[in-house]
């Protein structure tokens, strides 16, 4: 079982169905690789041919975007930290300036629910 955000479930379900067909590769990313190092995805993307005008995908930025999205969705903090593999709040502290603030009315309503 793989946990994912609901929005990505159809994409991952389709990819899993493709990979599960008889005669197909069982892995979606680097199926022949037996060793995993740091920056595996970043290094792979750096070597990928991209059409002109394609924005550069930076894994660190993608992770920061994921963190901001999870915070804005009000994910339970210990759950977010476990999912992100965090042991301190430093990474979260770095992305907080990018989290949209609630309006005063929204903040008051959220505090009432607490």
PDB file of N, CA and C in Angstrom:
ATOM      1  N   UNK A   1       0.837  -1.170   0.000  1.00  0.00           N
ATOM      2  CA  UNK A   1       0.000   0.000   0.000  1.00  0.00           C
ATOM      3  C   UNK A   1       0.889   1.242   0.000  1.00  0.00           C
ATOM      4  N   UNK A   2       0.500   2.235  -0.786  1.00  0.00           N
ATOM      5  CA  UNK A   2       1.206   3.506  -0.841  1.00  0.00           C
ATOM      6  C   UNK A   2       0.233   4.604  -0.448  1.00  0.00           C
ATOM      7  N   UNK A   3       0.623   5.401   0.520  1.00  0.00           N
ATOM      8  CA  UNK A   3      -0.211   6.521   0.930  1.00  0.00           C
ATOM      9  C   UNK A   3       0.066   7.708   0.029  1.00  0.00           C
ATOM     10  N   UNK A   4      -0.994   8.421  -0.341  1.00  0.00           N
ATOM     11  CA  UNK A   4      -0.831   9.623  -1.159  1.00  0.00           C
ATOM     12  C   UNK A   4      -2.001  10.552  -0.910  1.00  0.00           C
ATOM     13  N   UNK A   5      -1.853  11.787  -1.348  1.00  0.00           N
ATOM     14  CA  UNK A   5      -2.955  12.743  -1.276  1.00  0.00           C
ATOM     15  C   UNK A   5      -4.055  12.276  -2.214  1.00  0.00           C
ATOM     16  N   UNK A   6      -5.295  12.517  -1.861  1.00  0.00           N
ATOM     17  CA  UNK A   6      -6.444  12.079  -2.644  1.00  0.00           C
ATOM     18  C   UNK A   6      -6.357  12.550  -4.094  1.00  0.00           C
ATOM     19  N   UNK A   7      -5.870  13.761  -4.316  1.00  0.00           N
ATOM     20  CA  UNK A   7      -5.782  14.299  -5.673  1.00  0.00           C
ATOM     21  C   UNK A   7      -4.875  13.457  -6.573  1.00  0.00           C
ATOM     22  N   UNK A   8      -3.895  12.772  -5.988  1.00  0.00           N
ATOM     23  CA  UNK A   8      -2.948  11.984  -6.784  1.00  0.00           C
ATOM     24  C   UNK A   8      -3.348  10.516  -6.911  1.00  0.00           C
ATOM     25  N   UNK A   9      -4.394  10.107  -6.207  1.00  0.00           N
ATOM     26  CA  UNK A   9      -4.787   8.696  -6.223  1.00  0.00           C
ATOM     27  C   UNK A   9      -5.096   8.172  -7.626  1.00  0.00           C
ATOM     28  N   UNK A  10      -5.849   8.902  -8.476  1.00  0.00           N
ATOM     29  CA  UNK A  10      -6.116   8.367  -9.821  1.00  0.00           C
ATOM     30  C   UNK A  10      -4.843   8.181 -10.653  1.00  0.00           C
ATOM     31  N   UNK A  11      -3.911   9.104 -10.537  1.00  0.00           N
ATOM     32  CA  UNK A  11      -2.662   9.011 -11.299  1.00  0.00           C
ATOM     33  C   UNK A  11      -1.869   7.791 -10.854  1.00  0.00           C
ATOM     34  N   UNK A  12      -1.751   7.603  -9.550  1.00  0.00           N
ATOM     35  CA  UNK A  12      -0.990   6.468  -9.030  1.00  0.00           C
ATOM     36  C   UNK A  12      -1.704   5.144  -9.279  1.00  0.00           C
ATOM     37  N   UNK A  13      -3.025   5.160  -9.242  1.00  0.00           N
ATOM     38  CA  UNK A  13      -3.783   3.948  -9.547  1.00  0.00           C
ATOM     39  C   UNK A  13      -3.540   3.519 -10.989  1.00  0.00           C
ATOM     40  N   UNK A  14      -3.573   4.469 -11.902  1.00  0.00           N
ATOM     41  CA  UNK A  14      -3.325   4.163 -13.319  1.00  0.00           C
ATOM     42  C   UNK A  14      -1.899   3.655 -13.526  1.00  0.00           C
ATOM     43  N   UNK A  15      -0.932   4.305 -12.892  1.00  0.00           N
ATOM     44  CA  UNK A  15       0.466   3.881 -13.034  1.00  0.00           C
ATOM     45  C   UNK A  15       0.668   2.479 -12.460  1.00  0.00           C
ATOM     46  N   UNK A  16       0.011   2.208 -11.349  1.00  0.00           N
ATOM     47  CA  UNK A  16       0.117   0.883 -10.738  1.00  0.00           C
ATOM     48  C   UNK A  16      -0.490  -0.183 -11.634  1.00  0.00           C
ATOM     49  N   UNK A  17      -1.623   0.129 -12.240  1.00  0.00           N
ATOM     50  CA  UNK A  17      -2.263  -0.827 -13.153  1.00  0.00           C
ATOM     51  C   UNK A  17      -1.345  -1.127 -14.332  1.00  0.00           C
ATOM     52  N   UNK A  18      -0.697  -0.081 -14.861  1.00  0.00           N
ATOM     53  CA  UNK A  18       0.234  -0.271 -15.979  1.00  0.00           C
ATOM     54  C   UNK A  18       1.402  -1.160 -15.563  1.00  0.00           C
ATOM     55  N   UNK A  19       1.971  -0.879 -14.395  1.00  0.00           N
ATOM     56  CA  UNK A  19       3.148  -1.619 -13.943  1.00  0.00           C
ATOM     57  C   UNK A  19       2.804  -3.049 -13.546  1.00  0.00           C
ATOM     58  N   UNK A  20       1.549  -3.309 -13.243  1.00  0.00           N
ATOM     59  CA  UNK A  20       1.133  -4.634 -12.796  1.00  0.00           C
ATOM     60  C   UNK A  20       0.769  -5.580 -13.934  1.00  0.00           C
ATOM     61  N   UNK A  21       0.678  -5.054 -15.157  1.00  0.00           N
ATOM     62  CA  UNK A  21       0.310  -5.921 -16.276  1.00  0.00           C
ATOM     63  C   UNK A  21       1.407  -6.945 -16.519  1.00  0.00           C
ATOM     64  N   UNK A  22       1.030  -8.161 -16.886  1.00  0.00           N
ATOM     65  CA  UNK A  22       2.046  -9.190 -17.170  1.00  0.00           C
ATOM     66  C   UNK A  22       3.011  -8.716 -18.258  1.00  0.00           C
ATOM     67  N   UNK A  23       4.284  -8.977 -18.023  1.00  0.00           N
ATOM     68  CA  UNK A  23       5.308  -8.608 -18.998  1.00  0.00           C
ATOM     69  C   UNK A  23       5.806  -7.181 -18.871  1.00  0.00           C
ATOM     70  N   UNK A  24       5.237  -6.401 -17.973  1.00  0.00           N
ATOM     71  CA  UNK A  24       5.666  -5.011 -17.784  1.00  0.00           C
ATOM     72  C   UNK A  24       6.668  -4.928 -16.630  1.00  0.00           C
ATOM     73  N   UNK A  25       7.432  -3.852 -16.619  1.00  0.00           N
ATOM     74  CA  UNK A  25       8.355  -3.609 -15.514  1.00  0.00           C
ATOM     75  C   UNK A  25       7.565  -3.457 -14.220  1.00  0.00           C
ATOM     76  N   UNK A  26       8.111  -3.921 -13.152  1.00  0.00           N
ATOM     77  CA  UNK A  26       7.422  -3.833 -11.862  1.00  0.00           C
ATOM     78  C   UNK A  26       7.706  -2.519 -11.144  1.00  0.00           C
ATOM     79  N   UNK A  27       8.712  -1.787 -11.583  1.00  0.00           N
ATOM     80  CA  UNK A  27       9.049  -0.509 -10.964  1.00  0.00           C
ATOM     81  C   UNK A  27       8.785   0.599 -11.960  1.00  0.00           C
ATOM     82  N   UNK A  28       8.327   1.730 -11.478  1.00  0.00           N
ATOM     83  CA  UNK A  28       8.048   2.860 -12.354  1.00  0.00           C
ATOM     84  C   UNK A  28       9.264   3.761 -12.515  1.00  0.00           C
ATOM     85  N   UNK A  29      10.168   3.741 -11.572  1.00  0.00           N
ATOM     86  CA  UNK A  29      11.336   4.619 -11.621  1.00  0.00           C
ATOM     87  C   UNK A  29      12.600   3.787 -11.467  1.00  0.00           C
ATOM     88  N   UNK A  30      13.482   3.865 -12.452  1.00  0.00           N
ATOM     89  CA  UNK A  30      14.752   3.152 -12.473  1.00  0.00           C
ATOM     90  C   UNK A  30      14.586   1.670 -12.160  1.00  0.00           C
ATOM     91  N   UNK A  31      13.863   0.949 -13.013  1.00  0.00           N
ATOM     92  CA  UNK A  31      13.552  -0.459 -12.724  1.00  0.00           C
ATOM     93  C   UNK A  31      14.762  -1.377 -12.622  1.00  0.00           C
ATOM     94  N   UNK A  32      15.884  -1.024 -13.256  1.00  0.00           N
ATOM     95  CA  UNK A  32      17.052  -1.907 -13.224  1.00  0.00           C
ATOM     96  C   UNK A  32      18.030  -1.569 -12.107  1.00  0.00           C
ATOM     97  N   UNK A  33      17.775  -0.487 -11.405  1.00  0.00           N
ATOM     98  CA  UNK A  33      18.711  -0.041 -10.382  1.00  0.00           C
ATOM     99  C   UNK A  33      18.531  -0.839  -9.096  1.00  0.00           C
ATOM    100  N   UNK A  34      19.653  -1.223  -8.501  1.00  0.00           N
ATOM    101  CA  UNK A  34      19.613  -1.941  -7.236  1.00  0.00           C
ATOM    102  C   UNK A  34      20.186  -1.096  -6.103  1.00  0.00           C
ATOM    103  N   UNK A  35      20.758   0.053  -6.442  1.00  0.00           N
ATOM    104  CA  UNK A  35      21.344   0.923  -5.426  1.00  0.00           C
ATOM    105  C   UNK A  35      20.659   2.286  -5.487  1.00  0.00           C
ATOM    106  N   UNK A  36      20.437   2.859  -4.356  1.00  0.00           N
ATOM    107  CA  UNK A  36      19.823   4.179  -4.271  1.00  0.00           C
ATOM    108  C   UNK A  36      20.762   5.079  -3.480  1.00  0.00           C
ATOM    109  N   UNK A  37      21.093   6.205  -4.056  1.00  0.00           N
ATOM    110  CA  UNK A  37      21.940   7.169  -3.374  1.00  0.00           C
ATOM    111  C   UNK A  37      21.139   8.420  -3.071  1.00  0.00           C
ATOM    112  N   UNK A  38      21.807   9.380  -2.485  1.00  0.00           N
ATOM    113  CA  UNK A  38      21.138  10.654  -2.244  1.00  0.00           C
ATOM    114  C   UNK A  38      20.987  11.381  -3.575  1.00  0.00           C
ATOM    115  N   UNK A  39      19.987  12.188  -3.683  1.00  0.00           N
ATOM    116  CA  UNK A  39      19.710  12.994  -4.877  1.00  0.00           C
ATOM    117  C   UNK A  39      19.426  12.152  -6.121  1.00  0.00           C
ATOM    118  N   UNK A  40      18.913  10.955  -5.952  1.00  0.00           N
ATOM    119  CA  UNK A  40      18.639  10.072  -7.089  1.00  0.00           C
ATOM    120  C   UNK A  40      17.689  10.732  -8.078  1.00  0.00           C
ATOM    121  N   UNK A  41      16.596  11.262  -7.587  1.00  0.00           N
ATOM    122  CA  UNK A  41      15.615  11.877  -8.477  1.00  0.00           C
ATOM    123  C   UNK A  41      16.167  13.172  -9.071  1.00  0.00           C
ATOM    124  N   UNK A  42      16.826  13.982  -8.265  1.00  0.00           N
ATOM    125  CA  UNK A  42      17.407  15.230  -8.758  1.00  0.00           C
ATOM    126  C   UNK A  42      18.407  14.966  -9.877  1.00  0.00           C
ATOM    127  N   UNK A  43      19.282  13.988  -9.681  1.00  0.00           N
ATOM    128  CA  UNK A  43      20.269  13.658 -10.708  1.00  0.00           C
ATOM    129  C   UNK A  43      19.604  13.116 -11.971  1.00  0.00           C
ATOM    130  N   UNK A  44      18.582  12.302 -11.809  1.00  0.00           N
ATOM    131  CA  UNK A  44      17.846  11.781 -12.961  1.00  0.00           C
ATOM    132  C   UNK A  44      17.217  12.921 -13.753  1.00  0.00           C
ATOM    133  N   UNK A  45      16.564  13.837 -13.056  1.00  0.00           N
ATOM    134  CA  UNK A  45      15.907  14.957 -13.729  1.00  0.00           C
ATOM    135  C   UNK A  45      16.907  15.879 -14.424  1.00  0.00           C
ATOM    136  N   UNK A  46      18.096  16.023 -13.849  1.00  0.00           N
ATOM    137  CA  UNK A  46      19.121  16.873 -14.454  1.00  0.00           C
ATOM    138  C   UNK A  46      19.564  16.327 -15.812  1.00  0.00           C
ATOM    139  N   UNK A  47      19.490  15.001 -15.988  1.00  0.00           N
ATOM    140  CA  UNK A  47      19.905  14.375 -17.249  1.00  0.00           C
ATOM    141  C   UNK A  47      18.754  14.216 -18.247  1.00  0.00           C
ATOM    142  N   UNK A  48      17.556  14.551 -17.833  1.00  0.00           N
ATOM    143  CA  UNK A  48      16.383  14.364 -18.685  1.00  0.00           C
ATOM    144  C   UNK A  48      16.289  15.465 -19.735  1.00  0.00           C
ATOM    145  N   UNK A  49      15.980  15.074 -20.960  1.00  0.00           N
ATOM    146  CA  UNK A  49      15.795  16.034 -22.038  1.00  0.00           C
ATOM    147  C   UNK A  49      14.433  16.698 -21.878  1.00  0.00           C
ATOM    148  N   UNK A  50      14.411  18.023 -21.903  1.00  0.00           N
ATOM    149  CA  UNK A  50      13.177  18.761 -21.696  1.00  0.00           C
ATOM    150  C   UNK A  50      12.857  19.623 -22.908  1.00  0.00           C
ATOM    151  N   UNK A  51      11.585  19.755 -23.255  1.00  0.00           N
ATOM    152  CA  UNK A  51      11.227  20.667 -24.346  1.00  0.00           C
ATOM    153  C   UNK A  51      11.600  22.099 -23.981  1.00  0.00           C
ATOM    154  N   UNK A  52      11.911  22.942 -24.970  1.00  0.00           N
ATOM    155  CA  UNK A  52      12.239  24.341 -24.681  1.00  0.00           C
ATOM    156  C   UNK A  52      11.100  25.018 -23.904  1.00  0.00           C
ATOM    157  N   UNK A  53      11.473  25.814 -22.947  1.00  0.00           N
ATOM    158  CA  UNK A  53      10.487  26.543 -22.161  1.00  0.00           C
ATOM    159  C   UNK A  53       9.949  25.781 -20.962  1.00  0.00           C
ATOM    160  N   UNK A  54      10.365  24.518 -20.816  1.00  0.00           N
ATOM    161  CA  UNK A  54       9.915  23.738 -19.666  1.00  0.00           C
ATOM    162  C   UNK A  54      10.601  24.268 -18.415  1.00  0.00           C
ATOM    163  N   UNK A  55       9.832  24.599 -17.385  1.00  0.00           N
ATOM    164  CA  UNK A  55      10.470  25.100 -16.167  1.00  0.00           C
ATOM    165  C   UNK A  55      11.298  24.011 -15.494  1.00  0.00           C
ATOM    166  N   UNK A  56      12.353  24.417 -14.852  1.00  0.00           N
ATOM    167  CA  UNK A  56      13.239  23.504 -14.142  1.00  0.00           C
ATOM    168  C   UNK A  56      12.527  22.972 -12.904  1.00  0.00           C
ATOM    169  N   UNK A  57      12.515  21.662 -12.736  1.00  0.00           N
ATOM    170  CA  UNK A  57      11.928  21.048 -11.555  1.00  0.00           C
ATOM    171  C   UNK A  57      13.033  20.859 -10.524  1.00  0.00           C
ATOM    172  N   UNK A  58      12.866  21.508  -9.396  1.00  0.00           N
ATOM    173  CA  UNK A  58      13.831  21.409  -8.300  1.00  0.00           C
ATOM    174  C   UNK A  58      13.151  20.656  -7.160  1.00  0.00           C
ATOM    175  N   UNK A  59      13.680  19.491  -6.827  1.00  0.00           N
ATOM    176  CA  UNK A  59      13.049  18.627  -5.844  1.00  0.00           C
ATOM    177  C   UNK A  59      12.883  19.325  -4.492  1.00  0.00           C
ATOM    178  N   UNK A  60      13.863  20.089  -4.078  1.00  0.00           N
ATOM    179  CA  UNK A  60      13.756  20.816  -2.805  1.00  0.00           C
ATOM    180  C   UNK A  60      12.580  21.782  -2.812  1.00  0.00           C
ATOM    181  N   UNK A  61      12.377  22.444  -3.939  1.00  0.00           N
ATOM    182  CA  UNK A  61      11.240  23.360  -4.050  1.00  0.00           C
ATOM    183  C   UNK A  61       9.928  22.588  -4.088  1.00  0.00           C
ATOM    184  N   UNK A  62       9.925  21.448  -4.762  1.00  0.00           N
ATOM    185  CA  UNK A  62       8.712  20.624  -4.807  1.00  0.00           C
ATOM    186  C   UNK A  62       8.358  20.156  -3.396  1.00  0.00           C
ATOM    187  N   UNK A  63       9.361  19.779  -2.628  1.00  0.00           N
ATOM    188  CA  UNK A  63       9.126  19.344  -1.248  1.00  0.00           C
ATOM    189  C   UNK A  63       8.606  20.497  -0.408  1.00  0.00           C
ATOM    190  N   UNK A  64       9.182  21.688  -0.590  1.00  0.00           N
ATOM    191  CA  UNK A  64       8.711  22.865   0.150  1.00  0.00           C
ATOM    192  C   UNK A  64       7.264  23.181  -0.220  1.00  0.00           C
ATOM    193  N   UNK A  65       6.928  23.058  -1.490  1.00  0.00           N
ATOM    194  CA  UNK A  65       5.556  23.292  -1.934  1.00  0.00           C
ATOM    195  C   UNK A  65       4.614  22.281  -1.286  1.00  0.00           C
ATOM    196  N   UNK A  66       5.052  21.020  -1.217  1.00  0.00           N
ATOM    197  CA  UNK A  66       4.253  19.988  -0.575  1.00  0.00           C
ATOM    198  C   UNK A  66       4.024  20.322   0.900  1.00  0.00           C
ATOM    199  N   UNK A  67       5.086  20.776   1.585  1.00  0.00           N
ATOM    200  CA  UNK A  67       4.958  21.150   2.985  1.00  0.00           C
ATOM    201  C   UNK A  67       3.970  22.299   3.166  1.00  0.00           C
ATOM    202  N   UNK A  68       4.081  23.335   2.329  1.00  0.00           N
ATOM    203  CA  UNK A  68       3.169  24.480   2.414  1.00  0.00           C
ATOM    204  C   UNK A  68       1.734  24.022   2.191  1.00  0.00           C
ATOM    205  N   UNK A  69       1.524  23.187   1.179  1.00  0.00           N
ATOM    206  CA  UNK A  69       0.186  22.677   0.883  1.00  0.00           C
ATOM    207  C   UNK A  69      -0.378  21.901   2.069  1.00  0.00           C
ATOM    208  N   UNK A  70       0.442  21.075   2.687  1.00  0.00           N
ATOM    209  CA  UNK A  70      -0.009  20.281   3.835  1.00  0.00           C
ATOM    210  C   UNK A  70      -0.337  21.174   5.031  1.00  0.00           C
ATOM    211  N   UNK A  71       0.464  22.196   5.253  1.00  0.00           N
ATOM    212  CA  UNK A  71       0.208  23.127   6.356  1.00  0.00           C
ATOM    213  C   UNK A  71      -1.092  23.886   6.105  1.00  0.00           C
ATOM    214  N   UNK A  72      -1.266  24.362   4.869  1.00  0.00           N
ATOM    215  CA  UNK A  72      -2.487  25.103   4.541  1.00  0.00           C
ATOM    216  C   UNK A  72      -3.726  24.212   4.628  1.00  0.00           C
ATOM    217  N   UNK A  73      -3.559  22.905   4.415  1.00  0.00           N
ATOM    218  CA  UNK A  73      -4.672  21.962   4.547  1.00  0.00           C
ATOM    219  C   UNK A  73      -4.890  21.577   6.012  1.00  0.00           C
ATOM    220  N   UNK A  74      -4.088  22.135   6.882  1.00  0.00           N
ATOM    221  CA  UNK A  74      -4.154  21.916   8.323  1.00  0.00           C
ATOM    222  C   UNK A  74      -3.905  20.459   8.726  1.00  0.00           C
ATOM    223  N   UNK A  75      -2.901  19.884   8.077  1.00  0.00           N
ATOM    224  CA  UNK A  75      -2.515  18.521   8.439  1.00  0.00           C
ATOM    225  C   UNK A  75      -1.977  18.528   9.871  1.00  0.00           C
ATOM    226  N   UNK A  76      -2.303  17.508  10.608  1.00  0.00           N
ATOM    227  CA  UNK A  76      -1.831  17.321  11.976  1.00  0.00           C
ATOM    228  C   UNK A  76      -0.300  17.376  11.969  1.00  0.00           C
ATOM    229  N   UNK A  77       0.279  18.250  12.779  1.00  0.00           N
ATOM    230  CA  UNK A  77       1.720  18.505  12.737  1.00  0.00           C
ATOM    231  C   UNK A  77       2.574  17.249  12.934  1.00  0.00           C
ATOM    232  N   UNK A  78       2.331  16.409  13.931  1.00  0.00           N
ATOM    233  CA  UNK A  78       3.145  15.194  14.048  1.00  0.00           C
ATOM    234  C   UNK A  78       3.012  14.268  12.833  1.00  0.00           C
ATOM    235  N   UNK A  79       1.823  14.231  12.222  1.00  0.00           N
ATOM    236  CA  UNK A  79       1.633  13.418  11.019  1.00  0.00           C
ATOM    237  C   UNK A  79       2.452  13.983   9.876  1.00  0.00           C
ATOM    238  N   UNK A  80       2.410  15.296   9.703  1.00  0.00           N
ATOM    239  CA  UNK A  80       3.190  15.955   8.653  1.00  0.00           C
ATOM    240  C   UNK A  80       4.680  15.702   8.853  1.00  0.00           C
ATOM    241  N   UNK A  81       5.144  15.841  10.068  1.00  0.00           N
ATOM    242  CA  UNK A  81       6.563  15.628  10.340  1.00  0.00           C
ATOM    243  C   UNK A  81       6.976  14.194  10.040  1.00  0.00           C
ATOM    244  N   UNK A  82       6.135  13.226  10.423  1.00  0.00           N
ATOM    245  CA  UNK A  82       6.453  11.821  10.147  1.00  0.00           C
ATOM    246  C   UNK A  82       6.460  11.557   8.644  1.00  0.00           C
ATOM    247  N   UNK A  83       5.475  12.091   7.932  1.00  0.00           N
ATOM    248  CA  UNK A  83       5.392  11.874   6.486  1.00  0.00           C
ATOM    249  C   UNK A  83       6.574  12.498   5.757  1.00  0.00           C
ATOM    250  N   UNK A  84       7.049  13.628   6.257  1.00  0.00           N
ATOM    251  CA  UNK A  84       8.168  14.332   5.623  1.00  0.00           C
ATOM    252  C   UNK A  84       9.521  13.844   6.129  1.00  0.00           C
ATOM    253  N   UNK A  85       9.520  12.979   7.131  1.00  0.00           N
ATOM    254  CA  UNK A  85      10.781  12.493   7.689  1.00  0.00           C
ATOM    255  C   UNK A  85      11.508  13.544   8.496  1.00  0.00           C
ATOM    256  N   UNK A  86      10.762  14.427   9.124  1.00  0.00           N
ATOM    257  CA  UNK A  86      11.364  15.505   9.904  1.00  0.00           C
ATOM    258  C   UNK A  86      11.466  15.124  11.378  1.00  0.00           C
ATOM    259  N   UNK A  87      12.549  15.545  12.005  1.00  0.00           N
ATOM    260  CA  UNK A  87      12.693  15.335  13.445  1.00  0.00           C
ATOM    261  C   UNK A  87      12.694  16.656  14.202  1.00  0.00           C
ATOM    262  N   UNK A  88      12.831  17.769  13.458  1.00  0.00           N
ATOM    263  CA  UNK A  88      12.767  19.100  14.064  1.00  0.00           C
ATOM    264  C   UNK A  88      11.827  19.966  13.217  1.00  0.00           C
ATOM    265  N   UNK A  89      11.536  21.142  13.720  1.00  0.00           N
ATOM    266  CA  UNK A  89      10.650  22.064  13.004  1.00  0.00           C
ATOM    267  C   UNK A  89      11.404  23.024  12.081  1.00  0.00           C
ATOM    268  N   UNK A  90      12.712  22.852  11.921  1.00  0.00           N
ATOM    269  CA  UNK A  90      13.495  23.787  11.096  1.00  0.00           C
ATOM    270  C   UNK A  90      12.972  23.901   9.665  1.00  0.00           C
ATOM    271  N   UNK A  91      12.691  22.768   9.027  1.00  0.00           N
ATOM    272  CA  UNK A  91      12.195  22.814   7.644  1.00  0.00           C
ATOM    273  C   UNK A  91      10.846  23.484   7.561  1.00  0.00           C
ATOM    274  N   UNK A  92      10.011  23.239   8.548  1.00  0.00           N
ATOM    275  CA  UNK A  92       8.694  23.884   8.557  1.00  0.00           C
ATOM    276  C   UNK A  92       8.848  25.374   8.793  1.00  0.00           C
ATOM    277  N   UNK A  93       9.760  25.750   9.662  1.00  0.00           N
ATOM    278  CA  UNK A  93      10.004  27.170   9.944  1.00  0.00           C
ATOM    279  C   UNK A  93      10.412  27.917   8.672  1.00  0.00           C
ATOM    280  N   UNK A  94      11.178  27.246   7.811  1.00  0.00           N
ATOM    281  CA  UNK A  94      11.640  27.881   6.575  1.00  0.00           C
ATOM    282  C   UNK A  94      10.521  28.143   5.575  1.00  0.00           C
ATOM    283  N   UNK A  95       9.468  27.313   5.599  1.00  0.00           N
ATOM    284  CA  UNK A  95       8.391  27.479   4.619  1.00  0.00           C
ATOM    285  C   UNK A  95       7.229  28.322   5.147  1.00  0.00           C
ATOM    286  N   UNK A  96       7.187  28.588   6.442  1.00  0.00           N
ATOM    287  CA  UNK A  96       6.072  29.340   7.009  1.00  0.00           C
ATOM    288  C   UNK A  96       5.836  30.700   6.352  1.00  0.00           C
ATOM    289  N   UNK A  97       6.874  31.430   5.919  1.00  0.00           N
ATOM    290  CA  UNK A  97       6.590  32.704   5.244  1.00  0.00           C
ATOM    291  C   UNK A  97       5.773  32.540   3.956  1.00  0.00           C
ATOM    292  N   UNK A  98       5.716  31.339   3.412  1.00  0.00           N
ATOM    293  CA  UNK A  98       4.992  31.102   2.160  1.00  0.00           C
ATOM    294  C   UNK A  98       3.582  30.563   2.387  1.00  0.00           C
ATOM    295  N   UNK A  99       3.224  30.329   3.636  1.00  0.00           N
ATOM    296  CA  UNK A  99       1.889  29.827   3.969  1.00  0.00           C
ATOM    297  C   UNK A  99       0.931  31.020   4.008  1.00  0.00           C
ATOM    298  N   UNK A 100      -0.201  30.874   3.293  1.00  0.00           N
ATOM    299  CA  UNK A 100      -1.199  31.949   3.294  1.00  0.00           C
ATOM    300  C   UNK A 100      -1.803  32.092   4.681  1.00  0.00           C
ATOM    301  N   UNK A 101      -1.889  33.315   5.144  1.00  0.00           N
ATOM    302  CA  UNK A 101      -2.504  33.572   6.439  1.00  0.00           C
ATOM    303  C   UNK A 101      -4.019  33.539   6.308  1.00  0.00           C
ATOM    304  N   UNK A 102      -4.675  33.160   7.378  1.00  0.00           N
ATOM    305  CA  UNK A 102      -6.123  33.227   7.430  1.00  0.00           C
ATOM    306  C   UNK A 102      -6.552  34.666   7.667  1.00  0.00           C
ATOM    307  N   UNK A 103      -7.715  34.997   7.195  1.00  0.00           N
ATOM    308  CA  UNK A 103      -8.266  36.310   7.519  1.00  0.00           C
ATOM    309  C   UNK A 103      -8.582  36.311   9.011  1.00  0.00           C
ATOM    310  N   UNK A 104      -8.743  37.484   9.617  1.00  0.00           N
ATOM    311  CA  UNK A 104      -9.093  37.513  11.045  1.00  0.00           C
ATOM    312  C   UNK A 104     -10.376  36.729  11.349  1.00  0.00           C
ATOM    313  N   UNK A 105     -11.368  36.808  10.465  1.00  0.00           N
ATOM    314  CA  UNK A 105     -12.613  36.059  10.691  1.00  0.00           C
ATOM    315  C   UNK A 105     -12.379  34.545  10.610  1.00  0.00           C
ATOM    316  N   UNK A 106     -11.581  34.117   9.630  1.00  0.00           N
ATOM    317  CA  UNK A 106     -11.274  32.689   9.492  1.00  0.00           C
ATOM    318  C   UNK A 106     -10.490  32.188  10.709  1.00  0.00           C
ATOM    319  N   UNK A 107      -9.540  32.999  11.169  1.00  0.00           N
ATOM    320  CA  UNK A 107      -8.735  32.621  12.335  1.00  0.00           C
ATOM    321  C   UNK A 107      -9.629  32.505  13.580  1.00  0.00           C
ATOM    322  N   UNK A 108     -10.563  33.456  13.732  1.00  0.00           N
ATOM    323  CA  UNK A 108     -11.474  33.424  14.895  1.00  0.00           C
ATOM    324  C   UNK A 108     -12.349  32.175  14.841  1.00  0.00           C
ATOM    325  N   UNK A 109     -12.839  31.835  13.648  1.00  0.00           N
ATOM    326  CA  UNK A 109     -13.674  30.635  13.502  1.00  0.00           C
ATOM    327  C   UNK A 109     -12.875  29.381  13.804  1.00  0.00           C
ATOM    328  N   UNK A 110     -11.619  29.334  13.322  1.00  0.00           N
ATOM    329  CA  UNK A 110     -10.767  28.167  13.574  1.00  0.00           C
ATOM    330  C   UNK A 110     -10.479  28.014  15.066  1.00  0.00           C
ATOM    331  N   UNK A 111     -10.249  29.130  15.737  1.00  0.00           N
ATOM    332  CA  UNK A 111      -9.965  29.071  17.180  1.00  0.00           C
ATOM    333  C   UNK A 111     -11.196  28.640  17.964  1.00  0.00           C
ATOM    334  N   UNK A 112     -12.379  29.016  17.498  1.00  0.00           N
ATOM    335  CA  UNK A 112     -13.609  28.594  18.184  1.00  0.00           C
ATOM    336  C   UNK A 112     -13.786  27.089  18.102  1.00  0.00           C
ATOM    337  N   UNK A 113     -13.377  26.488  16.953  1.00  0.00           N
ATOM    338  CA  UNK A 113     -13.496  25.052  16.774  1.00  0.00           C
ATOM    339  C   UNK A 113     -12.501  24.291  17.645  1.00  0.00           C
ATOM    340  N   UNK A 114     -11.428  24.952  18.008  1.00  0.00           N
ATOM    341  CA  UNK A 114     -10.391  24.322  18.802  1.00  0.00           C
ATOM    342  C   UNK A 114     -10.926  24.126  20.189  1.00  0.00           C
TER     343      UNK A 114
END
